[in-house]
Protein backbone atom coordinates (compact mmCIF):
# COMPACT_ATOMS: atom_id res chain seq x y z
CA MET A 1 11.79 185.52 68.57
CA CYS A 2 11.47 186.68 72.16
CA ILE A 3 8.27 188.60 71.36
CA ILE A 4 6.71 185.53 69.76
CA GLN A 5 7.62 183.34 72.74
CA ASN A 6 6.07 185.83 75.15
CA MET A 7 2.89 185.98 73.06
CA LEU A 8 2.65 182.18 73.01
CA ARG A 9 3.14 181.96 76.77
CA TYR A 10 0.43 184.57 77.32
CA TYR A 11 -1.97 182.84 74.96
CA THR A 12 -1.52 179.39 76.49
CA LYS A 13 -2.04 180.76 80.01
CA GLN A 14 -5.40 182.20 78.95
CA ILE A 15 -6.75 178.77 77.97
CA THR A 16 -8.91 177.34 80.76
CA ASN A 17 -10.66 174.05 81.55
CA VAL A 18 -7.95 171.85 80.10
CA ASP A 19 -5.77 169.03 81.32
CA PRO A 20 -2.38 170.54 82.29
CA LEU A 21 -0.52 167.43 81.14
CA LYS A 22 -1.82 167.56 77.56
CA PRO A 23 -0.20 169.83 74.99
CA LYS A 24 -2.06 173.01 74.12
CA MET A 25 0.48 174.28 71.62
CA MET A 26 2.86 172.61 69.16
CA LYS A 27 5.81 174.11 67.32
CA LEU A 28 6.49 172.28 64.07
CA ALA A 29 9.05 172.59 61.28
CA TYR A 30 10.07 170.66 58.18
CA THR A 31 13.59 169.63 59.14
CA GLY A 32 15.27 168.37 62.29
CA LYS A 33 17.75 171.24 62.38
CA ILE A 34 15.00 173.84 62.50
CA THR A 35 13.03 171.90 65.10
CA PHE A 36 16.09 171.88 67.33
CA ASN A 37 16.37 175.67 67.06
CA ILE A 38 12.70 176.27 67.93
CA ASN A 39 12.52 173.48 70.52
CA GLY A 40 9.79 171.74 68.54
CA THR A 41 9.29 168.65 66.40
CA THR A 42 9.03 167.78 62.73
CA ILE A 43 5.68 167.92 60.98
CA HIS A 44 5.82 164.28 59.89
CA PHE A 45 6.60 162.99 63.38
CA ALA A 46 4.04 165.12 65.23
CA LEU A 47 1.16 164.56 62.85
CA ILE A 48 1.96 160.86 62.33
CA VAL A 49 2.37 161.12 58.57
CA PRO A 50 3.44 157.62 57.50
CA LEU A 51 5.37 157.51 54.24
CA ASN A 52 6.49 154.44 52.34
CA LYS A 53 10.14 153.92 51.42
CA ASN A 54 9.71 155.38 47.93
CA LEU A 55 8.13 158.54 49.38
CA THR A 56 5.59 158.51 46.57
CA LYS A 57 2.33 157.96 48.42
CA LEU A 58 0.88 158.10 51.91
CA ASN A 59 0.11 154.93 53.80
CA ALA A 60 -2.91 154.69 56.06
CA ILE A 61 -2.27 154.78 59.80
CA SER A 62 -3.62 152.06 62.04
CA ASP A 63 -6.72 152.58 64.15
CA GLU A 64 -4.62 152.30 67.32
CA ARG A 65 -2.24 155.08 66.25
CA HIS A 66 -5.20 157.22 65.19
CA TYR A 67 -6.84 156.76 68.60
CA ILE A 68 -3.59 157.66 70.40
CA PHE A 69 -3.21 160.77 68.24
CA ILE A 70 -6.78 161.94 68.98
CA LYS A 71 -6.42 161.35 72.73
CA THR A 72 -3.03 163.07 72.90
CA TYR A 73 -3.95 166.20 70.95
CA ASP A 74 -7.65 166.61 71.78
CA GLN A 75 -6.95 169.87 73.66
CA LEU A 76 -4.54 171.35 71.13
CA CYS A 77 -5.42 175.00 70.55
CA LEU A 78 -2.42 176.49 68.75
CA LEU A 79 -0.25 175.04 65.99
CA VAL A 80 2.83 177.01 64.93
CA ILE A 81 4.56 175.90 61.72
CA ASP A 82 7.95 177.42 61.00
């Protein structure tokens, strides 16, 4: 795990011409327990995947949430899924 973290730090430092306050890398996992261990977030929360209560189909996201998502992650360069 230490080697992977060092590689990610090196890679993100090499990215230029970006806003330092916007995320350039995201660490995602399926469950909350794993996200805690990798210091990341769940896939559904990060990618704004809205599910209905029956968990049978996807619901559309609103235009406002879509705009916020695009503005937040427009400089995302690396996505790590555990």
